[in-house]
Amino acid sequence: MTTATMERASADSSPADAPVLRSIDLEFSTAGDVHTGLEEAVAELIEVAAQDASCGILVTKLHPGRYTVALDESVPFGETYEAIAA
């Protein structure tokens, strides 16, 4: 089973000049689902990042089968970095 949760600030609650924070939390029960699930999440956030070209994407492995894919200002626009949570 694969579960995904998308978190985002709503347009109504954020000032026009405030950055929209976006992340996708993913949990996979089989190794075969990881690659496809991460590719889909990154593709979703690429569309968001392209709107203002101010950040890249950080994929963080939290523990086996659990990942977060998020827009991250420390990652240059157009790049995707990977990290493992300590």
C-alpha atoms as a PDB file:
ATOM      1  CA  MET A   1       0.000   0.000   0.000  1.00  0.00           C
ATOM      2  CA  THR A   2       1.204   3.461  -0.847  1.00  0.00           C
ATOM      3  CA  THR A   3      -0.070   6.529   0.936  1.00  0.00           C
ATOM      4  CA  ALA A   4       0.630  10.144   0.094  1.00  0.00           C
ATOM      5  CA  THR A   5      -0.268  13.319   1.925  1.00  0.00           C
ATOM      6  CA  MET A   6       0.061  16.714   0.286  1.00  0.00           C
ATOM      7  CA  GLU A   7       0.402  19.752   2.486  1.00  0.00           C
ATOM      8  CA  ARG A   8      -0.032  23.258   1.167  1.00  0.00           C
ATOM      9  CA  ALA A   9      -1.082  26.667   2.350  1.00  0.00           C
ATOM     10  CA  SER A  10      -4.429  27.675   0.953  1.00  0.00           C
ATOM     11  CA  ALA A  11      -4.523  30.670  -1.355  1.00  0.00           C
ATOM     12  CA  ASP A  12      -7.158  32.370   0.788  1.00  0.00           C
ATOM     13  CA  SER A  13      -5.125  32.231   4.006  1.00  0.00           C
ATOM     14  CA  SER A  14      -1.773  33.431   2.631  1.00  0.00           C
ATOM     15  CA  PRO A  15      -0.837  36.991   1.744  1.00  0.00           C
ATOM     16  CA  ALA A  16      -0.105  37.440  -1.954  1.00  0.00           C
ATOM     17  CA  ASP A  17       3.620  37.926  -1.329  1.00  0.00           C
ATOM     18  CA  ALA A  18       4.028  34.997   1.114  1.00  0.00           C
ATOM     19  CA  PRO A  19       5.730  31.893  -0.233  1.00  0.00           C
ATOM     20  CA  VAL A  20       3.509  28.866  -0.691  1.00  0.00           C
ATOM     21  CA  LEU A  21       5.086  25.982   1.182  1.00  0.00           C
ATOM     22  CA  ARG A  22       4.532  22.590  -0.369  1.00  0.00           C
ATOM     23  CA  SER A  23       5.584  19.126   0.627  1.00  0.00           C
ATOM     24  CA  ILE A  24       4.444  15.603  -0.061  1.00  0.00           C
ATOM     25  CA  ASP A  25       4.783  12.887   2.585  1.00  0.00           C
ATOM     26  CA  LEU A  26       5.007   9.371   1.196  1.00  0.00           C
ATOM     27  CA  GLU A  27       4.961   5.927   2.762  1.00  0.00           C
ATOM     28  CA  PHE A  28       5.540   2.751   0.770  1.00  0.00           C
ATOM     29  CA  SER A  29       4.991  -0.844   1.826  1.00  0.00           C
ATOM     30  CA  THR A  30       6.994  -2.370  -1.041  1.00  0.00           C
ATOM     31  CA  ALA A  31      10.357  -1.408  -2.489  1.00  0.00           C
ATOM     32  CA  GLY A  32       8.902  -1.618  -5.987  1.00  0.00           C
ATOM     33  CA  ASP A  33       6.583   1.330  -5.295  1.00  0.00           C
ATOM     34  CA  VAL A  34       9.328   3.694  -4.099  1.00  0.00           C
ATOM     35  CA  HIS A  35      10.813   4.698  -7.462  1.00  0.00           C
ATOM     36  CA  THR A  36       7.484   5.393  -9.166  1.00  0.00           C
ATOM     37  CA  GLY A  37       6.027   7.175  -6.151  1.00  0.00           C
ATOM     38  CA  LEU A  38       9.031   9.461  -5.733  1.00  0.00           C
ATOM     39  CA  GLU A  39       9.122  10.271  -9.454  1.00  0.00           C
ATOM     40  CA  GLU A  40       5.453  11.277  -9.382  1.00  0.00           C
ATOM     41  CA  ALA A  41       5.925  13.460  -6.284  1.00  0.00           C
ATOM     42  CA  VAL A  42       8.970  15.207  -7.757  1.00  0.00           C
ATOM     43  CA  ALA A  43       7.093  15.820 -11.029  1.00  0.00           C
ATOM     44  CA  GLU A  44       4.233  17.412  -9.069  1.00  0.00           C
ATOM     45  CA  LEU A  45       6.573  19.767  -7.230  1.00  0.00           C
ATOM     46  CA  ILE A  46       8.531  20.649 -10.368  1.00  0.00           C
ATOM     47  CA  GLU A  47       5.360  22.297 -11.675  1.00  0.00           C
ATOM     48  CA  VAL A  48       5.031  24.336  -8.474  1.00  0.00           C
ATOM     49  CA  ALA A  49       8.726  25.288  -8.367  1.00  0.00           C
ATOM     50  CA  ALA A  50       8.613  26.456 -11.990  1.00  0.00           C
ATOM     51  CA  GLN A  51       5.973  29.077 -11.147  1.00  0.00           C
ATOM     52  CA  ASP A  52       8.392  31.361  -9.308  1.00  0.00           C
ATOM     53  CA  ALA A  53      11.788  29.763  -9.996  1.00  0.00           C
ATOM     54  CA  SER A  54      13.047  30.428  -6.470  1.00  0.00           C
ATOM     55  CA  CYS A  55      13.820  26.955  -5.125  1.00  0.00           C
ATOM     56  CA  GLY A  56      14.567  23.361  -5.918  1.00  0.00           C
ATOM     57  CA  ILE A  57      13.320  20.086  -4.501  1.00  0.00           C
ATOM     58  CA  LEU A  58      14.634  18.072  -1.566  1.00  0.00           C
ATOM     59  CA  VAL A  59      13.799  14.368  -1.237  1.00  0.00           C
ATOM     60  CA  THR A  60      14.407  13.150   2.317  1.00  0.00           C
ATOM     61  CA  LYS A  61      14.369   9.506   3.386  1.00  0.00           C
ATOM     62  CA  LEU A  62      13.004   9.506   6.919  1.00  0.00           C
ATOM     63  CA  HIS A  63      13.223   5.734   7.452  1.00  0.00           C
ATOM     64  CA  PRO A  64      12.725   2.661   5.243  1.00  0.00           C
ATOM     65  CA  GLY A  65       9.613   3.230   3.153  1.00  0.00           C
ATOM     66  CA  ARG A  66       8.965   6.770   4.434  1.00  0.00           C
ATOM     67  CA  TYR A  67       9.949   9.899   2.468  1.00  0.00           C
ATOM     68  CA  THR A  68       9.231  13.612   2.256  1.00  0.00           C
ATOM     69  CA  VAL A  69       9.494  15.472  -1.053  1.00  0.00           C
ATOM     70  CA  ALA A  70       9.494  19.238  -0.531  1.00  0.00           C
ATOM     71  CA  LEU A  71      10.271  22.577  -2.094  1.00  0.00           C
ATOM     72  CA  ASP A  72      13.444  23.822  -0.409  1.00  0.00           C
ATOM     73  CA  GLU A  73      15.067  27.236  -0.770  1.00  0.00           C
ATOM     74  CA  SER A  74      18.506  25.778   0.047  1.00  0.00           C
ATOM     75  CA  VAL A  75      18.303  23.743  -3.176  1.00  0.00           C
ATOM     76  CA  PRO A  76      19.007  25.741  -6.342  1.00  0.00           C
ATOM     77  CA  PHE A  77      16.147  26.108  -8.807  1.00  0.00           C
ATOM     78  CA  GLY A  78      16.136  23.329 -11.380  1.00  0.00           C
ATOM     79  CA  GLU A  79      17.866  20.823  -9.108  1.00  0.00           C
ATOM     80  CA  THR A  80      16.692  17.977  -6.900  1.00  0.00           C
ATOM     81  CA  TYR A  81      18.772  16.910  -3.891  1.00  0.00           C
ATOM     82  CA  GLU A  82      18.483  13.785  -1.776  1.00  0.00           C
ATOM     83  CA  ALA A  83      19.048  13.509   1.970  1.00  0.00           C
ATOM     84  CA  ILE A  84      18.740  10.909   4.686  1.00  0.00           C
ATOM     85  CA  ALA A  85      17.303  12.081   8.004  1.00  0.00           C
ATOM     86  CA  ALA A  86      19.690  11.362  10.856  1.00  0.00           C
END
